[in-house]
Amino acid sequence: MKQCTHTDALPQQEPEPQSDTCLECVAAGTHPVQLRLCLECGHLSCCDSSPLRHATEHHKDTGHPIMRTFEQGESWRWCFVDHVLV
């Protein structure tokens, strides 16, 4: 079973969210379906079910490998590089 090779490189403390919604969606006039938090820098962006997929774009632009859901009651994480739940 494939495993994530990036969790050891994450900051010890989870970063604080830089905003309370996907600012890229706000600027584009769209609405996020759900939010994702970058665990390297705290960038908050929309999921792949949202029209503009800003969390994936953030990964492509920065190389930051792991994000987590920012939805209440959920706690899963996703590694964009290894394509696995963490």
PDB file of N, CA and C in Angstrom:
ATOM      1  N   MET A   1       0.838  -1.173   0.000  1.00  0.00           N
ATOM      2  CA  MET A   1       0.000   0.000   0.000  1.00  0.00           C
ATOM      3  C   MET A   1       0.896   1.253   0.000  1.00  0.00           C
ATOM      4  N   LYS A   2       0.576   2.190  -0.864  1.00  0.00           N
ATOM      5  CA  LYS A   2       1.364   3.407  -1.000  1.00  0.00           C
ATOM      6  C   LYS A   2       1.167   4.303   0.220  1.00  0.00           C
ATOM      7  N   GLN A   3       2.257   4.933   0.683  1.00  0.00           N
ATOM      8  CA  GLN A   3       2.198   5.824   1.833  1.00  0.00           C
ATOM      9  C   GLN A   3       2.780   7.179   1.476  1.00  0.00           C
ATOM     10  N   CYS A   4       2.387   8.168   2.238  1.00  0.00           N
ATOM     11  CA  CYS A   4       2.905   9.519   2.056  1.00  0.00           C
ATOM     12  C   CYS A   4       4.326   9.612   2.607  1.00  0.00           C
ATOM     13  N   THR A   5       5.180  10.245   1.839  1.00  0.00           N
ATOM     14  CA  THR A   5       6.576  10.425   2.255  1.00  0.00           C
ATOM     15  C   THR A   5       6.857  11.856   2.724  1.00  0.00           C
ATOM     16  N   HIS A   6       5.798  12.661   2.934  1.00  0.00           N
ATOM     17  CA  HIS A   6       5.984  14.085   3.211  1.00  0.00           C
ATOM     18  C   HIS A   6       5.558  14.525   4.605  1.00  0.00           C
ATOM     19  N   THR A   7       4.951  13.657   5.378  1.00  0.00           N
ATOM     20  CA  THR A   7       4.435  14.085   6.687  1.00  0.00           C
ATOM     21  C   THR A   7       5.544  14.517   7.642  1.00  0.00           C
ATOM     22  N   ASP A   8       6.712  13.922   7.552  1.00  0.00           N
ATOM     23  CA  ASP A   8       7.815  14.297   8.452  1.00  0.00           C
ATOM     24  C   ASP A   8       8.309  15.719   8.202  1.00  0.00           C
ATOM     25  N   ALA A   9       8.064  16.253   7.020  1.00  0.00           N
ATOM     26  CA  ALA A   9       8.541  17.598   6.684  1.00  0.00           C
ATOM     27  C   ALA A   9       7.550  18.698   7.081  1.00  0.00           C
ATOM     28  N   LEU A  10       6.386  18.324   7.579  1.00  0.00           N
ATOM     29  CA  LEU A  10       5.399  19.325   7.972  1.00  0.00           C
ATOM     30  C   LEU A  10       5.858  20.071   9.219  1.00  0.00           C
ATOM     31  N   PRO A  11       5.425  21.329   9.373  1.00  0.00           N
ATOM     32  CA  PRO A  11       5.738  22.056  10.608  1.00  0.00           C
ATOM     33  C   PRO A  11       5.175  21.296  11.814  1.00  0.00           C
ATOM     34  N   GLN A  12       5.844  21.409  12.961  1.00  0.00           N
ATOM     35  CA  GLN A  12       5.393  20.712  14.166  1.00  0.00           C
ATOM     36  C   GLN A  12       3.986  21.135  14.559  1.00  0.00           C
ATOM     37  N   GLN A  13       3.710  22.433  14.484  1.00  0.00           N
ATOM     38  CA  GLN A  13       2.385  22.945  14.782  1.00  0.00           C
ATOM     39  C   GLN A  13       1.674  23.262  13.481  1.00  0.00           C
ATOM     40  N   GLU A  14       0.401  22.877  13.407  1.00  0.00           N
ATOM     41  CA  GLU A  14      -0.380  23.184  12.209  1.00  0.00           C
ATOM     42  C   GLU A  14      -0.491  24.698  12.063  1.00  0.00           C
ATOM     43  N   PRO A  15      -0.286  25.217  10.851  1.00  0.00           N
ATOM     44  CA  PRO A  15      -0.369  26.670  10.667  1.00  0.00           C
ATOM     45  C   PRO A  15      -1.797  27.183  10.835  1.00  0.00           C
ATOM     46  N   GLU A  16      -1.904  28.414  11.284  1.00  0.00           N
ATOM     47  CA  GLU A  16      -3.200  29.074  11.376  1.00  0.00           C
ATOM     48  C   GLU A  16      -3.696  29.389   9.964  1.00  0.00           C
ATOM     49  N   PRO A  17      -4.987  29.262   9.715  1.00  0.00           N
ATOM     50  CA  PRO A  17      -5.516  29.644   8.396  1.00  0.00           C
ATOM     51  C   PRO A  17      -5.248  31.119   8.113  1.00  0.00           C
ATOM     52  N   GLN A  18      -4.852  31.424   6.886  1.00  0.00           N
ATOM     53  CA  GLN A  18      -4.559  32.801   6.504  1.00  0.00           C
ATOM     54  C   GLN A  18      -5.825  33.610   6.235  1.00  0.00           C
ATOM     55  N   SER A  19      -6.960  32.941   6.136  1.00  0.00           N
ATOM     56  CA  SER A  19      -8.232  33.619   5.877  1.00  0.00           C
ATOM     57  C   SER A  19      -9.351  32.728   6.407  1.00  0.00           C
ATOM     58  N   ASP A  20     -10.594  33.139   6.174  1.00  0.00           N
ATOM     59  CA  ASP A  20     -11.714  32.310   6.608  1.00  0.00           C
ATOM     60  C   ASP A  20     -12.500  31.732   5.436  1.00  0.00           C
ATOM     61  N   THR A  21     -12.006  31.971   4.221  1.00  0.00           N
ATOM     62  CA  THR A  21     -12.610  31.401   3.019  1.00  0.00           C
ATOM     63  C   THR A  21     -11.559  31.392   1.908  1.00  0.00           C
ATOM     64  N   CYS A  22     -11.929  30.889   0.754  1.00  0.00           N
ATOM     65  CA  CYS A  22     -11.018  30.874  -0.391  1.00  0.00           C
ATOM     66  C   CYS A  22     -11.021  32.269  -1.032  1.00  0.00           C
ATOM     67  N   LEU A  23      -9.954  33.018  -0.802  1.00  0.00           N
ATOM     68  CA  LEU A  23      -9.884  34.384  -1.326  1.00  0.00           C
ATOM     69  C   LEU A  23      -9.826  34.416  -2.845  1.00  0.00           C
ATOM     70  N   GLU A  24      -9.278  33.358  -3.456  1.00  0.00           N
ATOM     71  CA  GLU A  24      -9.257  33.288  -4.923  1.00  0.00           C
ATOM     72  C   GLU A  24     -10.679  33.169  -5.471  1.00  0.00           C
ATOM     73  N   CYS A  25     -11.530  32.407  -4.783  1.00  0.00           N
ATOM     74  CA  CYS A  25     -12.941  32.309  -5.205  1.00  0.00           C
ATOM     75  C   CYS A  25     -13.634  33.661  -5.063  1.00  0.00           C
ATOM     76  N   VAL A  26     -13.379  34.341  -3.959  1.00  0.00           N
ATOM     77  CA  VAL A  26     -13.973  35.663  -3.743  1.00  0.00           C
ATOM     78  C   VAL A  26     -13.564  36.597  -4.875  1.00  0.00           C
ATOM     79  N   ALA A  27     -12.283  36.597  -5.223  1.00  0.00           N
ATOM     80  CA  ALA A  27     -11.796  37.481  -6.291  1.00  0.00           C
ATOM     81  C   ALA A  27     -12.394  37.120  -7.645  1.00  0.00           C
ATOM     82  N   ALA A  28     -12.658  35.833  -7.859  1.00  0.00           N
ATOM     83  CA  ALA A  28     -13.208  35.376  -9.142  1.00  0.00           C
ATOM     84  C   ALA A  28     -14.734  35.448  -9.186  1.00  0.00           C
ATOM     85  N   GLY A  29     -15.358  35.740  -8.039  1.00  0.00           N
ATOM     86  CA  GLY A  29     -16.816  35.807  -7.993  1.00  0.00           C
ATOM     87  C   GLY A  29     -17.487  34.449  -7.943  1.00  0.00           C
ATOM     88  N   THR A  30     -16.754  33.427  -7.488  1.00  0.00           N
ATOM     89  CA  THR A  30     -17.340  32.094  -7.345  1.00  0.00           C
ATOM     90  C   THR A  30     -17.397  31.736  -5.863  1.00  0.00           C
ATOM     91  N   HIS A  31     -17.991  30.594  -5.569  1.00  0.00           N
ATOM     92  CA  HIS A  31     -18.127  30.151  -4.188  1.00  0.00           C
ATOM     93  C   HIS A  31     -17.493  28.782  -4.024  1.00  0.00           C
ATOM     94  N   PRO A  32     -16.715  28.575  -2.956  1.00  0.00           N
ATOM     95  CA  PRO A  32     -16.136  27.254  -2.724  1.00  0.00           C
ATOM     96  C   PRO A  32     -17.208  26.252  -2.299  1.00  0.00           C
ATOM     97  N   VAL A  33     -17.062  25.022  -2.771  1.00  0.00           N
ATOM     98  CA  VAL A  33     -17.947  23.947  -2.329  1.00  0.00           C
ATOM     99  C   VAL A  33     -17.534  23.531  -0.915  1.00  0.00           C
ATOM    100  N   GLN A  34     -16.244  23.264  -0.740  1.00  0.00           N
ATOM    101  CA  GLN A  34     -15.654  22.970   0.559  1.00  0.00           C
ATOM    102  C   GLN A  34     -14.266  23.595   0.598  1.00  0.00           C
ATOM    103  N   LEU A  35     -13.720  23.715   1.802  1.00  0.00           N
ATOM    104  CA  LEU A  35     -12.419  24.363   1.964  1.00  0.00           C
ATOM    105  C   LEU A  35     -11.343  23.364   2.361  1.00  0.00           C
ATOM    106  N   ARG A  36     -10.102  23.680   1.965  1.00  0.00           N
ATOM    107  CA  ARG A  36      -8.928  22.873   2.273  1.00  0.00           C
ATOM    108  C   ARG A  36      -7.836  23.783   2.826  1.00  0.00           C
ATOM    109  N   LEU A  37      -7.107  23.287   3.845  1.00  0.00           N
ATOM    110  CA  LEU A  37      -6.048  24.053   4.494  1.00  0.00           C
ATOM    111  C   LEU A  37      -4.697  23.460   4.139  1.00  0.00           C
ATOM    112  N   CYS A  38      -3.800  24.278   3.593  1.00  0.00           N
ATOM    113  CA  CYS A  38      -2.434  23.843   3.322  1.00  0.00           C
ATOM    114  C   CYS A  38      -1.717  23.687   4.659  1.00  0.00           C
ATOM    115  N   LEU A  39      -1.165  22.510   4.905  1.00  0.00           N
ATOM    116  CA  LEU A  39      -0.521  22.247   6.189  1.00  0.00           C
ATOM    117  C   LEU A  39       0.912  22.749   6.259  1.00  0.00           C
ATOM    118  N   GLU A  40       1.393  23.332   5.189  1.00  0.00           N
ATOM    119  CA  GLU A  40       2.725  23.932   5.226  1.00  0.00           C
ATOM    120  C   GLU A  40       2.654  25.425   5.539  1.00  0.00           C
ATOM    121  N   CYS A  41       1.682  26.131   4.923  1.00  0.00           N
ATOM    122  CA  CYS A  41       1.668  27.586   5.068  1.00  0.00           C
ATOM    123  C   CYS A  41       0.354  28.162   5.599  1.00  0.00           C
ATOM    124  N   GLY A  42      -0.710  27.372   5.681  1.00  0.00           N
ATOM    125  CA  GLY A  42      -1.982  27.874   6.179  1.00  0.00           C
ATOM    126  C   GLY A  42      -2.880  28.502   5.132  1.00  0.00           C
ATOM    127  N   HIS A  43      -2.507  28.384   3.867  1.00  0.00           N
ATOM    128  CA  HIS A  43      -3.345  28.926   2.796  1.00  0.00           C
ATOM    129  C   HIS A  43      -4.674  28.166   2.769  1.00  0.00           C
ATOM    130  N   LEU A  44      -5.789  28.886   2.757  1.00  0.00           N
ATOM    131  CA  LEU A  44      -7.109  28.271   2.718  1.00  0.00           C
ATOM    132  C   LEU A  44      -7.670  28.429   1.316  1.00  0.00           C
ATOM    133  N   SER A  45      -8.073  27.321   0.720  1.00  0.00           N
ATOM    134  CA  SER A  45      -8.563  27.376  -0.650  1.00  0.00           C
ATOM    135  C   SER A  45      -9.634  26.325  -0.871  1.00  0.00           C
ATOM    136  N   CYS A  46     -10.248  26.365  -2.044  1.00  0.00           N
ATOM    137  CA  CYS A  46     -11.390  25.503  -2.342  1.00  0.00           C
ATOM    138  C   CYS A  46     -10.964  24.133  -2.871  1.00  0.00           C
ATOM    139  N   CYS A  47     -11.882  23.187  -2.727  1.00  0.00           N
ATOM    140  CA  CYS A  47     -11.633  21.788  -3.093  1.00  0.00           C
ATOM    141  C   CYS A  47     -11.778  21.556  -4.602  1.00  0.00           C
ATOM    142  N   ASP A  48     -11.507  20.334  -5.018  1.00  0.00           N
ATOM    143  CA  ASP A  48     -11.610  19.985  -6.438  1.00  0.00           C
ATOM    144  C   ASP A  48     -13.043  19.887  -6.939  1.00  0.00           C
ATOM    145  N   SER A  49     -14.024  19.879  -6.038  1.00  0.00           N
ATOM    146  CA  SER A  49     -15.427  19.926  -6.457  1.00  0.00           C
ATOM    147  C   SER A  49     -15.873  21.359  -6.731  1.00  0.00           C
ATOM    148  N   SER A  50     -15.062  22.320  -6.338  1.00  0.00           N
ATOM    149  CA  SER A  50     -15.348  23.728  -6.603  1.00  0.00           C
ATOM    150  C   SER A  50     -14.940  24.053  -8.040  1.00  0.00           C
ATOM    151  N   PRO A  51     -15.573  25.053  -8.640  1.00  0.00           N
ATOM    152  CA  PRO A  51     -15.315  25.343 -10.063  1.00  0.00           C
ATOM    153  C   PRO A  51     -13.846  25.576 -10.429  1.00  0.00           C
ATOM    154  N   LEU A  52     -13.066  26.227  -9.553  1.00  0.00           N
ATOM    155  CA  LEU A  52     -11.714  26.614  -9.950  1.00  0.00           C
ATOM    156  C   LEU A  52     -10.605  25.834  -9.249  1.00  0.00           C
ATOM    157  N   ARG A  53     -10.931  24.926  -8.362  1.00  0.00           N
ATOM    158  CA  ARG A  53      -9.975  23.986  -7.748  1.00  0.00           C
ATOM    159  C   ARG A  53      -8.710  24.682  -7.218  1.00  0.00           C
ATOM    160  N   HIS A  54      -8.878  25.670  -6.383  1.00  0.00           N
ATOM    161  CA  HIS A  54      -7.748  26.469  -5.922  1.00  0.00           C
ATOM    162  C   HIS A  54      -6.771  25.720  -5.011  1.00  0.00           C
ATOM    163  N   ALA A  55      -7.228  24.718  -4.251  1.00  0.00           N
ATOM    164  CA  ALA A  55      -6.282  23.957  -3.417  1.00  0.00           C
ATOM    165  C   ALA A  55      -5.279  23.222  -4.304  1.00  0.00           C
ATOM    166  N   THR A  56      -5.756  22.618  -5.372  1.00  0.00           N
ATOM    167  CA  THR A  56      -4.857  21.938  -6.312  1.00  0.00           C
ATOM    168  C   THR A  56      -3.935  22.949  -6.981  1.00  0.00           C
ATOM    169  N   GLU A  57      -4.455  24.103  -7.350  1.00  0.00           N
ATOM    170  CA  GLU A  57      -3.621  25.143  -7.957  1.00  0.00           C
ATOM    171  C   GLU A  57      -2.559  25.632  -6.977  1.00  0.00           C
ATOM    172  N   HIS A  58      -2.927  25.752  -5.700  1.00  0.00           N
ATOM    173  CA  HIS A  58      -1.940  26.159  -4.690  1.00  0.00           C
ATOM    174  C   HIS A  58      -0.802  25.143  -4.630  1.00  0.00           C
ATOM    175  N   HIS A  59      -1.145  23.864  -4.648  1.00  0.00           N
ATOM    176  CA  HIS A  59      -0.099  22.831  -4.658  1.00  0.00           C
ATOM    177  C   HIS A  59       0.780  22.953  -5.901  1.00  0.00           C
ATOM    178  N   LYS A  60       0.178  23.129  -7.059  1.00  0.00           N
ATOM    179  CA  LYS A  60       0.951  23.242  -8.303  1.00  0.00           C
ATOM    180  C   LYS A  60       1.871  24.462  -8.279  1.00  0.00           C
ATOM    181  N   ASP A  61       1.384  25.557  -7.719  1.00  0.00           N
ATOM    182  CA  ASP A  61       2.171  26.801  -7.681  1.00  0.00           C
ATOM    183  C   ASP A  61       3.297  26.762  -6.651  1.00  0.00           C
ATOM    184  N   THR A  62       3.071  26.073  -5.523  1.00  0.00           N
ATOM    185  CA  THR A  62       4.018  26.141  -4.410  1.00  0.00           C
ATOM    186  C   THR A  62       4.794  24.850  -4.172  1.00  0.00           C
ATOM    187  N   GLY A  63       4.224  23.721  -4.594  1.00  0.00           N
ATOM    188  CA  GLY A  63       4.833  22.432  -4.277  1.00  0.00           C
ATOM    189  C   GLY A  63       4.513  21.943  -2.877  1.00  0.00           C
ATOM    190  N   HIS A  64       3.700  22.694  -2.124  1.00  0.00           N
ATOM    191  CA  HIS A  64       3.324  22.255  -0.780  1.00  0.00           C
ATOM    192  C   HIS A  64       2.519  20.959  -0.908  1.00  0.00           C
ATOM    193  N   PRO A  65       2.972  19.892  -0.258  1.00  0.00           N
ATOM    194  CA  PRO A  65       2.435  18.573  -0.559  1.00  0.00           C
ATOM    195  C   PRO A  65       1.134  18.163   0.119  1.00  0.00           C
ATOM    196  N   ILE A  66       0.862  18.641   1.340  1.00  0.00           N
ATOM    197  CA  ILE A  66      -0.267  18.076   2.089  1.00  0.00           C
ATOM    198  C   ILE A  66      -1.260  19.161   2.494  1.00  0.00           C
ATOM    199  N   MET A  67      -2.530  18.853   2.316  1.00  0.00           N
ATOM    200  CA  MET A  67      -3.594  19.718   2.795  1.00  0.00           C
ATOM    201  C   MET A  67      -4.535  18.854   3.626  1.00  0.00           C
ATOM    202  N   ARG A  68      -5.340  19.538   4.411  1.00  0.00           N
ATOM    203  CA  ARG A  68      -6.376  18.826   5.147  1.00  0.00           C
ATOM    204  C   ARG A  68      -7.717  19.490   4.887  1.00  0.00           C
ATOM    205  N   THR A  69      -8.763  18.705   5.090  1.00  0.00           N
ATOM    206  CA  THR A  69     -10.090  19.272   4.971  1.00  0.00           C
ATOM    207  C   THR A  69     -10.257  20.355   6.028  1.00  0.00           C
ATOM    208  N   PHE A  70     -11.014  21.365   5.710  1.00  0.00           N
ATOM    209  CA  PHE A  70     -11.302  22.434   6.655  1.00  0.00           C
ATOM    210  C   PHE A  70     -12.793  22.440   6.971  1.00  0.00           C
ATOM    211  N   GLU A  71     -13.408  21.292   6.797  1.00  0.00           N
ATOM    212  CA  GLU A  71     -14.835  21.145   7.056  1.00  0.00           C
ATOM    213  C   GLU A  71     -15.060  20.643   8.476  1.00  0.00           C
ATOM    214  N   GLN A  72     -16.023  21.221   9.157  1.00  0.00           N
ATOM    215  CA  GLN A  72     -16.343  20.834  10.526  1.00  0.00           C
ATOM    216  C   GLN A  72     -16.698  19.349  10.582  1.00  0.00           C
ATOM    217  N   GLY A  73     -16.139  18.653  11.554  1.00  0.00           N
ATOM    218  CA  GLY A  73     -16.436  17.242  11.753  1.00  0.00           C
ATOM    219  C   GLY A  73     -15.607  16.302  10.895  1.00  0.00           C
ATOM    220  N   GLU A  74     -14.741  16.832  10.040  1.00  0.00           N
ATOM    221  CA  GLU A  74     -13.869  16.008   9.203  1.00  0.00           C
ATOM    222  C   GLU A  74     -12.418  16.242   9.607  1.00  0.00           C
ATOM    223  N   SER A  75     -11.564  15.227   9.430  1.00  0.00           N
ATOM    224  CA  SER A  75     -10.168  15.387   9.842  1.00  0.00           C
ATOM    225  C   SER A  75      -9.160  14.777   8.872  1.00  0.00           C
ATOM    226  N   TRP A  76      -9.606  14.357   7.691  1.00  0.00           N
ATOM    227  CA  TRP A  76      -8.685  13.681   6.781  1.00  0.00           C
ATOM    228  C   TRP A  76      -7.704  14.674   6.125  1.00  0.00           C
ATOM    229  N   ARG A  77      -6.594  14.106   5.669  1.00  0.00           N
ATOM    230  CA  ARG A  77      -5.535  14.859   4.974  1.00  0.00           C
ATOM    231  C   ARG A  77      -5.258  14.185   3.637  1.00  0.00           C
ATOM    232  N   TRP A  78      -4.756  14.951   2.688  1.00  0.00           N
ATOM    233  CA  TRP A  78      -4.445  14.434   1.357  1.00  0.00           C
ATOM    234  C   TRP A  78      -3.048  14.882   0.948  1.00  0.00           C
ATOM    235  N   CYS A  79      -2.257  13.946   0.448  1.00  0.00           N
ATOM    236  CA  CYS A  79      -0.947  14.272  -0.111  1.00  0.00           C
ATOM    237  C   CYS A  79      -1.079  14.355  -1.623  1.00  0.00           C
ATOM    238  N   PHE A  80      -0.864  15.542  -2.173  1.00  0.00           N
ATOM    239  CA  PHE A  80      -0.952  15.747  -3.616  1.00  0.00           C
ATOM    240  C   PHE A  80       0.152  15.020  -4.366  1.00  0.00           C
ATOM    241  N   VAL A  81       1.294  14.868  -3.755  1.00  0.00           N
ATOM    242  CA  VAL A  81       2.456  14.260  -4.421  1.00  0.00           C
ATOM    243  C   VAL A  81       2.304  12.747  -4.524  1.00  0.00           C
ATOM    244  N   ASP A  82       1.981  12.130  -3.388  1.00  0.00           N
ATOM    245  CA  ASP A  82       1.879  10.665  -3.349  1.00  0.00           C
ATOM    246  C   ASP A  82       0.474  10.154  -3.673  1.00  0.00           C
ATOM    247  N   HIS A  83      -0.499  11.068  -3.791  1.00  0.00           N
ATOM    248  CA  HIS A  83      -1.882  10.725  -4.119  1.00  0.00           C
ATOM    249  C   HIS A  83      -2.474   9.715  -3.141  1.00  0.00           C
ATOM    250  N   VAL A  84      -2.319  10.008  -1.838  1.00  0.00           N
ATOM    251  CA  VAL A  84      -2.863   9.142  -0.792  1.00  0.00           C
ATOM    252  C   VAL A  84      -3.451   9.967   0.335  1.00  0.00           C
ATOM    253  N   LEU A  85      -4.418   9.375   1.026  1.00  0.00           N
ATOM    254  CA  LEU A  85      -4.903   9.943   2.276  1.00  0.00           C
ATOM    255  C   LEU A  85      -3.847   9.735   3.337  1.00  0.00           C
ATOM    256  N   VAL A  86      -3.640  10.727   4.161  1.00  0.00           N
ATOM    257  CA  VAL A  86      -2.602  10.662   5.194  1.00  0.00           C
ATOM    258  C   VAL A  86      -3.262  10.472   6.547  1.00  0.00           C
TER     259      VAL A  86
END
